[in-house]
Amino acid sequence: MEYAFQTCDVFTNERFGGNPLAVVVEADGLTGQQMQMIAREFNLSETVFVLPPQDRANSARVRIFTPQHEMPFAGHPTIGSACIIASLQQSARDFEVEVRLEQPAGLVPVKVSASNYKLSAQLVA
């Protein structure tokens, strides 16, 4: 099996700064046990697995794993995965979109903006 992934740095303006994150896109087909093993292999504080949403009104369902366990919610993985999902869906270098992420803790909307390919995001209250 081959699965595409991206890494990103969250909460920074500098490459290789901030909080690193791995995001496995199109992770459907992986079991929870396999996700845990992959997160352990990446050995970052968190790894996100992107799955199709259960409700088509939402952007994606995500599962967040540390090397030791699954988490129902975490801030920097939510922000980072929303940015990656938005950038994969947009072809313009400037955009603003709301990404709606289904997580075990509940639905989390995130506003993602890009200006000249530079991404920023914030949780929507």
PDB file of N, CA and C in Angstrom:
ATOM      1  N   MET A   1       0.835  -1.186   0.000  1.00  0.00           N
ATOM      2  CA  MET A   1       0.000   0.000   0.000  1.00  0.00           C
ATOM      3  C   MET A   1       0.877   1.247   0.000  1.00  0.00           C
ATOM      4  N   GLU A   2       0.479   2.213  -0.765  1.00  0.00           N
ATOM      5  CA  GLU A   2       1.166   3.505  -0.778  1.00  0.00           C
ATOM      6  C   GLU A   2       0.162   4.590  -0.420  1.00  0.00           C
ATOM      7  N   TYR A   3       0.583   5.485   0.457  1.00  0.00           N
ATOM      8  CA  TYR A   3      -0.247   6.607   0.880  1.00  0.00           C
ATOM      9  C   TYR A   3       0.571   7.876   0.780  1.00  0.00           C
ATOM     10  N   ALA A   4      -0.029   8.908   0.179  1.00  0.00           N
ATOM     11  CA  ALA A   4       0.649  10.195   0.064  1.00  0.00           C
ATOM     12  C   ALA A   4       0.582  10.922   1.399  1.00  0.00           C
ATOM     13  N   PHE A   5       1.633  11.659   1.698  1.00  0.00           N
ATOM     14  CA  PHE A   5       1.634  12.474   2.912  1.00  0.00           C
ATOM     15  C   PHE A   5       2.383  13.761   2.634  1.00  0.00           C
ATOM     16  N   GLN A   6       2.111  14.749   3.480  1.00  0.00           N
ATOM     17  CA  GLN A   6       2.824  16.018   3.446  1.00  0.00           C
ATOM     18  C   GLN A   6       3.240  16.357   4.864  1.00  0.00           C
ATOM     19  N   THR A   7       4.317  17.080   4.973  1.00  0.00           N
ATOM     20  CA  THR A   7       4.699  17.621   6.266  1.00  0.00           C
ATOM     21  C   THR A   7       4.578  19.129   6.188  1.00  0.00           C
ATOM     22  N   CYS A   8       4.304  19.730   7.333  1.00  0.00           N
ATOM     23  CA  CYS A   8       4.216  21.191   7.369  1.00  0.00           C
ATOM     24  C   CYS A   8       4.663  21.671   8.737  1.00  0.00           C
ATOM     25  N   ASP A   9       4.950  22.949   8.811  1.00  0.00           N
ATOM     26  CA  ASP A   9       5.329  23.605  10.057  1.00  0.00           C
ATOM     27  C   ASP A   9       4.211  24.577  10.417  1.00  0.00           C
ATOM     28  N   VAL A  10       3.647  24.410  11.596  1.00  0.00           N
ATOM     29  CA  VAL A  10       2.500  25.203  12.041  1.00  0.00           C
ATOM     30  C   VAL A  10       2.959  26.221  13.078  1.00  0.00           C
ATOM     31  N   PHE A  11       2.303  27.359  13.104  1.00  0.00           N
ATOM     32  CA  PHE A  11       2.586  28.451  14.038  1.00  0.00           C
ATOM     33  C   PHE A  11       3.976  29.048  13.821  1.00  0.00           C
ATOM     34  N   THR A  12       4.325  29.287  12.575  1.00  0.00           N
ATOM     35  CA  THR A  12       5.614  29.898  12.271  1.00  0.00           C
ATOM     36  C   THR A  12       5.558  30.581  10.910  1.00  0.00           C
ATOM     37  N   ASN A  13       6.475  31.492  10.685  1.00  0.00           N
ATOM     38  CA  ASN A  13       6.682  32.091   9.368  1.00  0.00           C
ATOM     39  C   ASN A  13       7.967  31.574   8.743  1.00  0.00           C
ATOM     40  N   GLU A  14       8.677  30.715   9.461  1.00  0.00           N
ATOM     41  CA  GLU A  14       9.973  30.225   9.002  1.00  0.00           C
ATOM     42  C   GLU A  14       9.915  28.744   8.665  1.00  0.00           C
ATOM     43  N   ARG A  15      10.551  28.378   7.570  1.00  0.00           N
ATOM     44  CA  ARG A  15      10.685  26.976   7.197  1.00  0.00           C
ATOM     45  C   ARG A  15      11.484  26.256   8.285  1.00  0.00           C
ATOM     46  N   PHE A  16      11.050  25.069   8.637  1.00  0.00           N
ATOM     47  CA  PHE A  16      11.671  24.235   9.664  1.00  0.00           C
ATOM     48  C   PHE A  16      11.585  24.864  11.061  1.00  0.00           C
ATOM     49  N   GLY A  17      10.592  25.710  11.270  1.00  0.00           N
ATOM     50  CA  GLY A  17      10.333  26.291  12.584  1.00  0.00           C
ATOM     51  C   GLY A  17       8.956  25.854  13.058  1.00  0.00           C
ATOM     52  N   GLY A  18       8.512  26.368  14.164  1.00  0.00           N
ATOM     53  CA  GLY A  18       7.173  26.071  14.659  1.00  0.00           C
ATOM     54  C   GLY A  18       6.982  24.623  15.057  1.00  0.00           C
ATOM     55  N   ASN A  19       5.736  24.160  14.935  1.00  0.00           N
ATOM     56  CA  ASN A  19       5.378  22.794  15.310  1.00  0.00           C
ATOM     57  C   ASN A  19       5.275  21.930  14.051  1.00  0.00           C
ATOM     58  N   PRO A  20       6.127  20.924  13.912  1.00  0.00           N
ATOM     59  CA  PRO A  20       6.054  20.069  12.729  1.00  0.00           C
ATOM     60  C   PRO A  20       4.851  19.129  12.793  1.00  0.00           C
ATOM     61  N   LEU A  21       4.348  18.773  11.629  1.00  0.00           N
ATOM     62  CA  LEU A  21       3.166  17.928  11.528  1.00  0.00           C
ATOM     63  C   LEU A  21       3.252  17.099  10.261  1.00  0.00           C
ATOM     64  N   ALA A  22       2.876  15.829  10.343  1.00  0.00           N
ATOM     65  CA  ALA A  22       2.712  14.982   9.160  1.00  0.00           C
ATOM     66  C   ALA A  22       1.220  14.802   8.921  1.00  0.00           C
ATOM     67  N   VAL A  23       0.807  14.893   7.659  1.00  0.00           N
ATOM     68  CA  VAL A  23      -0.593  14.725   7.290  1.00  0.00           C
ATOM     69  C   VAL A  23      -0.654  13.681   6.178  1.00  0.00           C
ATOM     70  N   VAL A  24      -1.313  12.577   6.466  1.00  0.00           N
ATOM     71  CA  VAL A  24      -1.514  11.520   5.474  1.00  0.00           C
ATOM     72  C   VAL A  24      -2.848  11.805   4.794  1.00  0.00           C
ATOM     73  N   VAL A  25      -2.786  12.167   3.524  1.00  0.00           N
ATOM     74  CA  VAL A  25      -4.002  12.501   2.778  1.00  0.00           C
ATOM     75  C   VAL A  25      -4.581  11.221   2.178  1.00  0.00           C
ATOM     76  N   GLU A  26      -5.890  11.198   2.034  1.00  0.00           N
ATOM     77  CA  GLU A  26      -6.588  10.016   1.492  1.00  0.00           C
ATOM     78  C   GLU A  26      -6.184   8.753   2.242  1.00  0.00           C
ATOM     79  N   ALA A  27      -6.398   8.765   3.548  1.00  0.00           N
ATOM     80  CA  ALA A  27      -5.977   7.658   4.416  1.00  0.00           C
ATOM     81  C   ALA A  27      -7.025   6.558   4.536  1.00  0.00           C
ATOM     82  N   ASP A  28      -8.126   6.651   3.763  1.00  0.00           N
ATOM     83  CA  ASP A  28      -9.124   5.604   3.863  1.00  0.00           C
ATOM     84  C   ASP A  28      -8.491   4.265   3.476  1.00  0.00           C
ATOM     85  N   GLY A  29      -8.877   3.240   4.169  1.00  0.00           N
ATOM     86  CA  GLY A  29      -8.281   1.924   3.978  1.00  0.00           C
ATOM     87  C   GLY A  29      -7.315   1.553   5.087  1.00  0.00           C
ATOM     88  N   LEU A  30      -6.862   2.552   5.843  1.00  0.00           N
ATOM     89  CA  LEU A  30      -5.971   2.271   6.971  1.00  0.00           C
ATOM     90  C   LEU A  30      -6.798   1.974   8.223  1.00  0.00           C
ATOM     91  N   THR A  31      -6.380   1.012   8.986  1.00  0.00           N
ATOM     92  CA  THR A  31      -7.022   0.741  10.271  1.00  0.00           C
ATOM     93  C   THR A  31      -6.446   1.682  11.318  1.00  0.00           C
ATOM     94  N   GLY A  32      -7.125   1.785  12.437  1.00  0.00           N
ATOM     95  CA  GLY A  32      -6.601   2.587  13.541  1.00  0.00           C
ATOM     96  C   GLY A  32      -5.240   2.088  13.998  1.00  0.00           C
ATOM     97  N   GLN A  33      -5.060   0.793  14.025  1.00  0.00           N
ATOM     98  CA  GLN A  33      -3.774   0.218  14.422  1.00  0.00           C
ATOM     99  C   GLN A  33      -2.668   0.604  13.432  1.00  0.00           C
ATOM    100  N   GLN A  34      -2.988   0.590  12.142  1.00  0.00           N
ATOM    101  CA  GLN A  34      -1.994   1.000  11.144  1.00  0.00           C
ATOM    102  C   GLN A  34      -1.673   2.489  11.274  1.00  0.00           C
ATOM    103  N   MET A  35      -2.688   3.303  11.535  1.00  0.00           N
ATOM    104  CA  MET A  35      -2.459   4.735  11.731  1.00  0.00           C
ATOM    105  C   MET A  35      -1.519   4.957  12.918  1.00  0.00           C
ATOM    106  N   GLN A  36      -1.755   4.220  13.993  1.00  0.00           N
ATOM    107  CA  GLN A  36      -0.888   4.343  15.171  1.00  0.00           C
ATOM    108  C   GLN A  36       0.546   3.961  14.840  1.00  0.00           C
ATOM    109  N   MET A  37       0.738   2.913  14.064  1.00  0.00           N
ATOM    110  CA  MET A  37       2.082   2.476  13.686  1.00  0.00           C
ATOM    111  C   MET A  37       2.775   3.519  12.796  1.00  0.00           C
ATOM    112  N   ILE A  38       2.015   4.126  11.892  1.00  0.00           N
ATOM    113  CA  ILE A  38       2.583   5.161  11.021  1.00  0.00           C
ATOM    114  C   ILE A  38       2.964   6.386  11.846  1.00  0.00           C
ATOM    115  N   ALA A  39       2.099   6.786  12.768  1.00  0.00           N
ATOM    116  CA  ALA A  39       2.410   7.933  13.647  1.00  0.00           C
ATOM    117  C   ALA A  39       3.674   7.658  14.446  1.00  0.00           C
ATOM    118  N   ARG A  40       3.815   6.440  14.911  1.00  0.00           N
ATOM    119  CA  ARG A  40       5.023   6.069  15.663  1.00  0.00           C
ATOM    120  C   ARG A  40       6.256   6.155  14.750  1.00  0.00           C
ATOM    121  N   GLU A  41       6.097   5.761  13.504  1.00  0.00           N
ATOM    122  CA  GLU A  41       7.210   5.819  12.543  1.00  0.00           C
ATOM    123  C   GLU A  41       7.613   7.265  12.250  1.00  0.00           C
ATOM    124  N   PHE A  42       6.630   8.150  12.048  1.00  0.00           N
ATOM    125  CA  PHE A  42       6.950   9.565  11.831  1.00  0.00           C
ATOM    126  C   PHE A  42       7.628  10.160  13.061  1.00  0.00           C
ATOM    127  N   ASN A  43       7.168   9.758  14.245  1.00  0.00           N
ATOM    128  CA  ASN A  43       7.749  10.197  15.513  1.00  0.00           C
ATOM    129  C   ASN A  43       7.691  11.717  15.703  1.00  0.00           C
ATOM    130  N   LEU A  44       6.635  12.334  15.190  1.00  0.00           N
ATOM    131  CA  LEU A  44       6.374  13.747  15.454  1.00  0.00           C
ATOM    132  C   LEU A  44       5.371  13.831  16.597  1.00  0.00           C
ATOM    133  N   SER A  45       5.173  15.022  17.132  1.00  0.00           N
ATOM    134  CA  SER A  45       4.229  15.134  18.254  1.00  0.00           C
ATOM    135  C   SER A  45       2.840  14.669  17.841  1.00  0.00           C
ATOM    136  N   GLU A  46       2.413  14.958  16.599  1.00  0.00           N
ATOM    137  CA  GLU A  46       1.141  14.468  16.069  1.00  0.00           C
ATOM    138  C   GLU A  46       1.246  14.162  14.576  1.00  0.00           C
ATOM    139  N   THR A  47       0.422  13.221  14.151  1.00  0.00           N
ATOM    140  CA  THR A  47       0.239  12.881  12.740  1.00  0.00           C
ATOM    141  C   THR A  47      -1.259  12.848  12.490  1.00  0.00           C
ATOM    142  N   VAL A  48      -1.693  13.460  11.392  1.00  0.00           N
ATOM    143  CA  VAL A  48      -3.113  13.520  11.042  1.00  0.00           C
ATOM    144  C   VAL A  48      -3.385  12.602   9.856  1.00  0.00           C
ATOM    145  N   PHE A  49      -4.518  11.916   9.911  1.00  0.00           N
ATOM    146  CA  PHE A  49      -4.972  11.057   8.825  1.00  0.00           C
ATOM    147  C   PHE A  49      -6.283  11.629   8.300  1.00  0.00           C
ATOM    148  N   VAL A  50      -6.321  11.944   7.006  1.00  0.00           N
ATOM    149  CA  VAL A  50      -7.477  12.583   6.387  1.00  0.00           C
ATOM    150  C   VAL A  50      -8.328  11.509   5.711  1.00  0.00           C
ATOM    151  N   LEU A  51      -9.603  11.510   6.053  1.00  0.00           N
ATOM    152  CA  LEU A  51     -10.570  10.532   5.548  1.00  0.00           C
ATOM    153  C   LEU A  51     -11.756  11.256   4.938  1.00  0.00           C
ATOM    154  N   PRO A  52     -12.551  10.575   4.122  1.00  0.00           N
ATOM    155  CA  PRO A  52     -13.759  11.218   3.599  1.00  0.00           C
ATOM    156  C   PRO A  52     -14.699  11.593   4.752  1.00  0.00           C
ATOM    157  N   PRO A  53     -15.421  12.697   4.607  1.00  0.00           N
ATOM    158  CA  PRO A  53     -16.342  13.102   5.681  1.00  0.00           C
ATOM    159  C   PRO A  53     -17.545  12.159   5.750  1.00  0.00           C
ATOM    160  N   GLN A  54     -18.116  12.042   6.931  1.00  0.00           N
ATOM    161  CA  GLN A  54     -19.357  11.270   7.068  1.00  0.00           C
ATOM    162  C   GLN A  54     -20.541  12.077   6.558  1.00  0.00           C
ATOM    163  N   ASP A  55     -20.454  13.410   6.683  1.00  0.00           N
ATOM    164  CA  ASP A  55     -21.480  14.326   6.189  1.00  0.00           C
ATOM    165  C   ASP A  55     -20.868  15.091   5.016  1.00  0.00           C
ATOM    166  N   ARG A  56     -21.479  14.991   3.856  1.00  0.00           N
ATOM    167  CA  ARG A  56     -20.919  15.628   2.653  1.00  0.00           C
ATOM    168  C   ARG A  56     -20.850  17.150   2.746  1.00  0.00           C
ATOM    169  N   ALA A  57     -21.518  17.744   3.728  1.00  0.00           N
ATOM    170  CA  ALA A  57     -21.451  19.193   3.927  1.00  0.00           C
ATOM    171  C   ALA A  57     -20.104  19.602   4.510  1.00  0.00           C
ATOM    172  N   ASN A  58     -19.351  18.631   5.014  1.00  0.00           N
ATOM    173  CA  ASN A  58     -18.056  18.905   5.633  1.00  0.00           C
ATOM    174  C   ASN A  58     -16.922  18.588   4.668  1.00  0.00           C
ATOM    175  N   SER A  59     -15.738  19.088   4.986  1.00  0.00           N
ATOM    176  CA  SER A  59     -14.582  18.934   4.097  1.00  0.00           C
ATOM    177  C   SER A  59     -13.907  17.584   4.233  1.00  0.00           C
ATOM    178  N   ALA A  60     -13.769  17.102   5.464  1.00  0.00           N
ATOM    179  CA  ALA A  60     -13.050  15.850   5.703  1.00  0.00           C
ATOM    180  C   ALA A  60     -13.284  15.385   7.132  1.00  0.00           C
ATOM    181  N   ARG A  61     -12.987  14.125   7.351  1.00  0.00           N
ATOM    182  CA  ARG A  61     -12.918  13.571   8.702  1.00  0.00           C
ATOM    183  C   ARG A  61     -11.441  13.365   8.982  1.00  0.00           C
ATOM    184  N   VAL A  62     -10.989  13.759  10.153  1.00  0.00           N
ATOM    185  CA  VAL A  62      -9.575  13.597  10.488  1.00  0.00           C
ATOM    186  C   VAL A  62      -9.425  12.856  11.801  1.00  0.00           C
ATOM    187  N   ARG A  63      -8.355  12.082  11.854  1.00  0.00           N
ATOM    188  CA  ARG A  63      -7.970  11.397  13.091  1.00  0.00           C
ATOM    189  C   ARG A  63      -6.553  11.840  13.415  1.00  0.00           C
ATOM    190  N   ILE A  64      -6.313  12.153  14.675  1.00  0.00           N
ATOM    191  CA  ILE A  64      -5.031  12.699  15.127  1.00  0.00           C
ATOM    192  C   ILE A  64      -4.379  11.695  16.069  1.00  0.00           C
ATOM    193  N   PHE A  65      -3.127  11.346  15.754  1.00  0.00           N
ATOM    194  CA  PHE A  65      -2.382  10.392  16.568  1.00  0.00           C
ATOM    195  C   PHE A  65      -1.059  10.987  17.025  1.00  0.00           C
ATOM    196  N   THR A  66      -0.708  10.736  18.261  1.00  0.00           N
ATOM    197  CA  THR A  66       0.657  10.949  18.741  1.00  0.00           C
ATOM    198  C   THR A  66       1.369   9.616  18.521  1.00  0.00           C
ATOM    199  N   PRO A  67       2.664   9.523  18.793  1.00  0.00           N
ATOM    200  CA  PRO A  67       3.311   8.206  18.694  1.00  0.00           C
ATOM    201  C   PRO A  67       2.730   7.176  19.673  1.00  0.00           C
ATOM    202  N   GLN A  68       2.000   7.632  20.719  1.00  0.00           N
ATOM    203  CA  GLN A  68       1.484   6.712  21.729  1.00  0.00           C
ATOM    204  C   GLN A  68      -0.020   6.447  21.657  1.00  0.00           C
ATOM    205  N   HIS A  69      -0.831   7.430  21.206  1.00  0.00           N
ATOM    206  CA  HIS A  69      -2.276   7.249  21.261  1.00  0.00           C
ATOM    207  C   HIS A  69      -3.006   8.225  20.337  1.00  0.00           C
ATOM    208  N   GLU A  70      -4.308   7.950  20.139  1.00  0.00           N
ATOM    209  CA  GLU A  70      -5.157   8.846  19.354  1.00  0.00           C
ATOM    210  C   GLU A  70      -5.706   9.946  20.244  1.00  0.00           C
ATOM    211  N   MET A  71      -5.870  11.138  19.664  1.00  0.00           N
ATOM    212  CA  MET A  71      -6.404  12.290  20.394  1.00  0.00           C
ATOM    213  C   MET A  71      -7.729  12.730  19.751  1.00  0.00           C
ATOM    214  N   PRO A  72      -8.714  13.148  20.544  1.00  0.00           N
ATOM    215  CA  PRO A  72      -9.983  13.594  19.964  1.00  0.00           C
ATOM    216  C   PRO A  72      -9.885  14.971  19.296  1.00  0.00           C
ATOM    217  N   PHE A  73      -8.908  15.778  19.715  1.00  0.00           N
ATOM    218  CA  PHE A  73      -8.706  17.123  19.162  1.00  0.00           C
ATOM    219  C   PHE A  73      -7.322  17.598  19.586  1.00  0.00           C
ATOM    220  N   ALA A  74      -6.687  18.380  18.735  1.00  0.00           N
ATOM    221  CA  ALA A  74      -5.451  19.091  19.080  1.00  0.00           C
ATOM    222  C   ALA A  74      -5.348  20.286  18.150  1.00  0.00           C
ATOM    223  N   GLY A  75      -4.859  21.403  18.665  1.00  0.00           N
ATOM    224  CA  GLY A  75      -4.835  22.664  17.920  1.00  0.00           C
ATOM    225  C   GLY A  75      -3.959  22.676  16.690  1.00  0.00           C
ATOM    226  N   HIS A  76      -2.655  22.433  16.853  1.00  0.00           N
ATOM    227  CA  HIS A  76      -1.789  22.590  15.686  1.00  0.00           C
ATOM    228  C   HIS A  76      -2.053  21.537  14.616  1.00  0.00           C
ATOM    229  N   PRO A  77      -2.450  20.303  14.947  1.00  0.00           N
ATOM    230  CA  PRO A  77      -2.816  19.372  13.879  1.00  0.00           C
ATOM    231  C   PRO A  77      -4.085  19.799  13.126  1.00  0.00           C
ATOM    232  N   THR A  78      -5.021  20.416  13.834  1.00  0.00           N
ATOM    233  CA  THR A  78      -6.243  20.888  13.182  1.00  0.00           C
ATOM    234  C   THR A  78      -5.917  22.020  12.214  1.00  0.00           C
ATOM    235  N   ILE A  79      -5.129  22.987  12.664  1.00  0.00           N
ATOM    236  CA  ILE A  79      -4.747  24.113  11.806  1.00  0.00           C
ATOM    237  C   ILE A  79      -3.930  23.627  10.606  1.00  0.00           C
ATOM    238  N   GLY A  80      -2.921  22.801  10.858  1.00  0.00           N
ATOM    239  CA  GLY A  80      -2.056  22.326   9.777  1.00  0.00           C
ATOM    240  C   GLY A  80      -2.789  21.487   8.753  1.00  0.00           C
ATOM    241  N   SER A  81      -3.636  20.574   9.220  1.00  0.00           N
ATOM    242  CA  SER A  81      -4.360  19.726   8.265  1.00  0.00           C
ATOM    243  C   SER A  81      -5.375  20.543   7.474  1.00  0.00           C
ATOM    244  N   ALA A  82      -6.005  21.533   8.096  1.00  0.00           N
ATOM    245  CA  ALA A  82      -6.935  22.405   7.362  1.00  0.00           C
ATOM    246  C   ALA A  82      -6.205  23.158   6.254  1.00  0.00           C
ATOM    247  N   CYS A  83      -5.006  23.640   6.531  1.00  0.00           N
ATOM    248  CA  CYS A  83      -4.223  24.344   5.508  1.00  0.00           C
ATOM    249  C   CYS A  83      -3.870  23.421   4.350  1.00  0.00           C
ATOM    250  N   ILE A  84      -3.467  22.198   4.655  1.00  0.00           N
ATOM    251  CA  ILE A  84      -3.114  21.262   3.593  1.00  0.00           C
ATOM    252  C   ILE A  84      -4.342  20.891   2.775  1.00  0.00           C
ATOM    253  N   ILE A  85      -5.460  20.604   3.434  1.00  0.00           N
ATOM    254  CA  ILE A  85      -6.686  20.261   2.715  1.00  0.00           C
ATOM    255  C   ILE A  85      -7.112  21.414   1.810  1.00  0.00           C
ATOM    256  N   ALA A  86      -7.092  22.630   2.334  1.00  0.00           N
ATOM    257  CA  ALA A  86      -7.481  23.796   1.532  1.00  0.00           C
ATOM    258  C   ALA A  86      -6.546  23.989   0.353  1.00  0.00           C
ATOM    259  N   SER A  87      -5.247  23.868   0.571  1.00  0.00           N
ATOM    260  CA  SER A  87      -4.302  24.093  -0.531  1.00  0.00           C
ATOM    261  C   SER A  87      -4.420  23.017  -1.613  1.00  0.00           C
ATOM    262  N   LEU A  88      -4.796  21.799  -1.233  1.00  0.00           N
ATOM    263  CA  LEU A  88      -4.987  20.741  -2.230  1.00  0.00           C
ATOM    264  C   LEU A  88      -6.250  20.967  -3.052  1.00  0.00           C
ATOM    265  N   GLN A  89      -7.226  21.658  -2.485  1.00  0.00           N
ATOM    266  CA  GLN A  89      -8.491  21.902  -3.172  1.00  0.00           C
ATOM    267  C   GLN A  89      -8.504  23.194  -3.980  1.00  0.00           C
ATOM    268  N   GLN A  90      -7.541  24.088  -3.748  1.00  0.00           N
ATOM    269  CA  GLN A  90      -7.513  25.393  -4.406  1.00  0.00           C
ATOM    270  C   GLN A  90      -6.340  25.455  -5.376  1.00  0.00           C
ATOM    271  N   SER A  91      -6.540  26.065  -6.510  1.00  0.00           N
ATOM    272  CA  SER A  91      -5.435  26.238  -7.453  1.00  0.00           C
ATOM    273  C   SER A  91      -4.925  27.677  -7.486  1.00  0.00           C
ATOM    274  N   ALA A  92      -5.682  28.605  -6.934  1.00  0.00           N
ATOM    275  CA  ALA A  92      -5.274  30.012  -6.932  1.00  0.00           C
ATOM    276  C   ALA A  92      -4.252  30.260  -5.828  1.00  0.00           C
ATOM    277  N   ARG A  93      -3.432  31.282  -6.038  1.00  0.00           N
ATOM    278  CA  ARG A  93      -2.451  31.608  -4.993  1.00  0.00           C
ATOM    279  C   ARG A  93      -3.048  32.473  -3.902  1.00  0.00           C
ATOM    280  N   ASP A  94      -4.211  33.062  -4.164  1.00  0.00           N
ATOM    281  CA  ASP A  94      -4.934  33.846  -3.165  1.00  0.00           C
ATOM    282  C   ASP A  94      -6.339  33.267  -3.020  1.00  0.00           C
ATOM    283  N   PHE A  95      -6.713  32.930  -1.808  1.00  0.00           N
ATOM    284  CA  PHE A  95      -8.061  32.424  -1.566  1.00  0.00           C
ATOM    285  C   PHE A  95      -8.399  32.545  -0.092  1.00  0.00           C
ATOM    286  N   GLU A  96      -9.701  32.418   0.193  1.00  0.00           N
ATOM    287  CA  GLU A  96     -10.194  32.326   1.561  1.00  0.00           C
ATOM    288  C   GLU A  96     -11.312  31.296   1.540  1.00  0.00           C
ATOM    289  N   VAL A  97     -11.221  30.300   2.410  1.00  0.00           N
ATOM    290  CA  VAL A  97     -12.189  29.208   2.407  1.00  0.00           C
ATOM    291  C   VAL A  97     -12.372  28.692   3.830  1.00  0.00           C
ATOM    292  N   GLU A  98     -13.549  28.151   4.108  1.00  0.00           N
ATOM    293  CA  GLU A  98     -13.765  27.503   5.393  1.00  0.00           C
ATOM    294  C   GLU A  98     -13.650  25.995   5.196  1.00  0.00           C
ATOM    295  N   VAL A  99     -12.789  25.379   5.980  1.00  0.00           N
ATOM    296  CA  VAL A  99     -12.610  23.929   5.975  1.00  0.00           C
ATOM    297  C   VAL A  99     -13.310  23.404   7.222  1.00  0.00           C
ATOM    298  N   ARG A 100     -14.202  22.432   7.032  1.00  0.00           N
ATOM    299  CA  ARG A 100     -14.981  21.877   8.140  1.00  0.00           C
ATOM    300  C   ARG A 100     -14.481  20.461   8.411  1.00  0.00           C
ATOM    301  N   LEU A 101     -13.850  20.282   9.574  1.00  0.00           N
ATOM    302  CA  LEU A 101     -13.219  19.007   9.909  1.00  0.00           C
ATOM    303  C   LEU A 101     -14.028  18.244  10.955  1.00  0.00           C
ATOM    304  N   GLU A 102     -14.419  17.034  10.602  1.00  0.00           N
ATOM    305  CA  GLU A 102     -15.060  16.139  11.552  1.00  0.00           C
ATOM    306  C   GLU A 102     -13.962  15.463  12.379  1.00  0.00           C
ATOM    307  N   GLN A 103     -14.056  15.614  13.695  1.00  0.00           N
ATOM    308  CA  GLN A 103     -13.082  15.015  14.608  1.00  0.00           C
ATOM    309  C   GLN A 103     -13.845  14.280  15.698  1.00  0.00           C
ATOM    310  N   PRO A 104     -13.203  13.346  16.403  1.00  0.00           N
ATOM    311  CA  PRO A 104     -13.907  12.670  17.501  1.00  0.00           C
ATOM    312  C   PRO A 104     -14.494  13.651  18.526  1.00  0.00           C
ATOM    313  N   ALA A 105     -13.857  14.802  18.716  1.00  0.00           N
ATOM    314  CA  ALA A 105     -14.357  15.797  19.666  1.00  0.00           C
ATOM    315  C   ALA A 105     -15.537  16.592  19.111  1.00  0.00           C
ATOM    316  N   GLY A 106     -15.778  16.490  17.809  1.00  0.00           N
ATOM    317  CA  GLY A 106     -16.878  17.220  17.185  1.00  0.00           C
ATOM    318  C   GLY A 106     -16.435  17.923  15.919  1.00  0.00           C
ATOM    319  N   LEU A 107     -17.347  18.675  15.334  1.00  0.00           N
ATOM    320  CA  LEU A 107     -17.066  19.406  14.099  1.00  0.00           C
ATOM    321  C   LEU A 107     -16.242  20.657  14.407  1.00  0.00           C
ATOM    322  N   VAL A 108     -15.154  20.857  13.662  1.00  0.00           N
ATOM    323  CA  VAL A 108     -14.274  22.004  13.887  1.00  0.00           C
ATOM    324  C   VAL A 108     -14.124  22.773  12.574  1.00  0.00           C
ATOM    325  N   PRO A 109     -14.752  23.950  12.456  1.00  0.00           N
ATOM    326  CA  PRO A 109     -14.559  24.781  11.272  1.00  0.00           C
ATOM    327  C   PRO A 109     -13.286  25.630  11.404  1.00  0.00           C
ATOM    328  N   VAL A 110     -12.559  25.738  10.300  1.00  0.00           N
ATOM    329  CA  VAL A 110     -11.309  26.499  10.268  1.00  0.00           C
ATOM    330  C   VAL A 110     -11.331  27.395   9.036  1.00  0.00           C
ATOM    331  N   LYS A 111     -11.077  28.695   9.238  1.00  0.00           N
ATOM    332  CA  LYS A 111     -10.977  29.630   8.120  1.00  0.00           C
ATOM    333  C   LYS A 111      -9.522  29.631   7.646  1.00  0.00           C
ATOM    334  N   VAL A 112      -9.321  29.287   6.371  1.00  0.00           N
ATOM    335  CA  VAL A 112      -7.979  29.236   5.797  1.00  0.00           C
ATOM    336  C   VAL A 112      -7.881  30.306   4.723  1.00  0.00           C
ATOM    337  N   SER A 113      -6.833  31.109   4.791  1.00  0.00           N
ATOM    338  CA  SER A 113      -6.579  32.165   3.807  1.00  0.00           C
ATOM    339  C   SER A 113      -5.209  31.969   3.209  1.00  0.00           C
ATOM    340  N   ALA A 114      -5.089  32.345   1.941  1.00  0.00           N
ATOM    341  CA  ALA A 114      -3.789  32.321   1.276  1.00  0.00           C
ATOM    342  C   ALA A 114      -3.600  33.646   0.555  1.00  0.00           C
ATOM    343  N   SER A 115      -2.409  34.170   0.682  1.00  0.00           N
ATOM    344  CA  SER A 115      -2.021  35.378  -0.024  1.00  0.00           C
ATOM    345  C   SER A 115      -0.640  35.119  -0.611  1.00  0.00           C
ATOM    346  N   ASN A 116      -0.589  35.104  -1.943  1.00  0.00           N
ATOM    347  CA  ASN A 116       0.664  34.796  -2.637  1.00  0.00           C
ATOM    348  C   ASN A 116       1.255  33.466  -2.122  1.00  0.00           C
ATOM    349  N   TYR A 117       0.369  32.481  -1.989  1.00  0.00           N
ATOM    350  CA  TYR A 117       0.693  31.115  -1.541  1.00  0.00           C
ATOM    351  C   TYR A 117       1.074  31.013  -0.064  1.00  0.00           C
ATOM    352  N   LYS A 118       1.066  32.099   0.679  1.00  0.00           N
ATOM    353  CA  LYS A 118       1.370  32.052   2.109  1.00  0.00           C
ATOM    354  C   LYS A 118       0.058  31.799   2.854  1.00  0.00           C
ATOM    355  N   LEU A 119       0.001  30.693   3.606  1.00  0.00           N
ATOM    356  CA  LEU A 119      -1.227  30.272   4.260  1.00  0.00           C
ATOM    357  C   LEU A 119      -1.326  30.770   5.693  1.00  0.00           C
ATOM    358  N   SER A 120      -2.545  31.071   6.107  1.00  0.00           N
ATOM    359  CA  SER A 120      -2.830  31.344   7.514  1.00  0.00           C
ATOM    360  C   SER A 120      -4.194  30.742   7.811  1.00  0.00           C
ATOM    361  N   ALA A 121      -4.430  30.435   9.076  1.00  0.00           N
ATOM    362  CA  ALA A 121      -5.706  29.810   9.446  1.00  0.00           C
ATOM    363  C   ALA A 121      -6.068  30.180  10.864  1.00  0.00           C
ATOM    364  N   GLN A 122      -7.369  30.111  11.140  1.00  0.00           N
ATOM    365  CA  GLN A 122      -7.848  30.327  12.499  1.00  0.00           C
ATOM    366  C   GLN A 122      -9.103  29.507  12.709  1.00  0.00           C
ATOM    367  N   LEU A 123      -9.272  29.023  13.924  1.00  0.00           N
ATOM    368  CA  LEU A 123     -10.468  28.288  14.284  1.00  0.00           C
ATOM    369  C   LEU A 123     -11.654  29.247  14.263  1.00  0.00           C
ATOM    370  N   VAL A 124     -12.778  28.788  13.767  1.00  0.00           N
ATOM    371  CA  VAL A 124     -13.986  29.603  13.710  1.00  0.00           C
ATOM    372  C   VAL A 124     -14.839  29.283  14.923  1.00  0.00           C
ATOM    373  N   ALA A 125     -15.226  30.318  15.652  1.00  0.00           N
ATOM    374  CA  ALA A 125     -16.049  30.107  16.869  1.00  0.00           C
ATOM    375  C   ALA A 125     -17.473  29.806  16.524  1.00  0.00           C
TER     376      ALA A 125
END
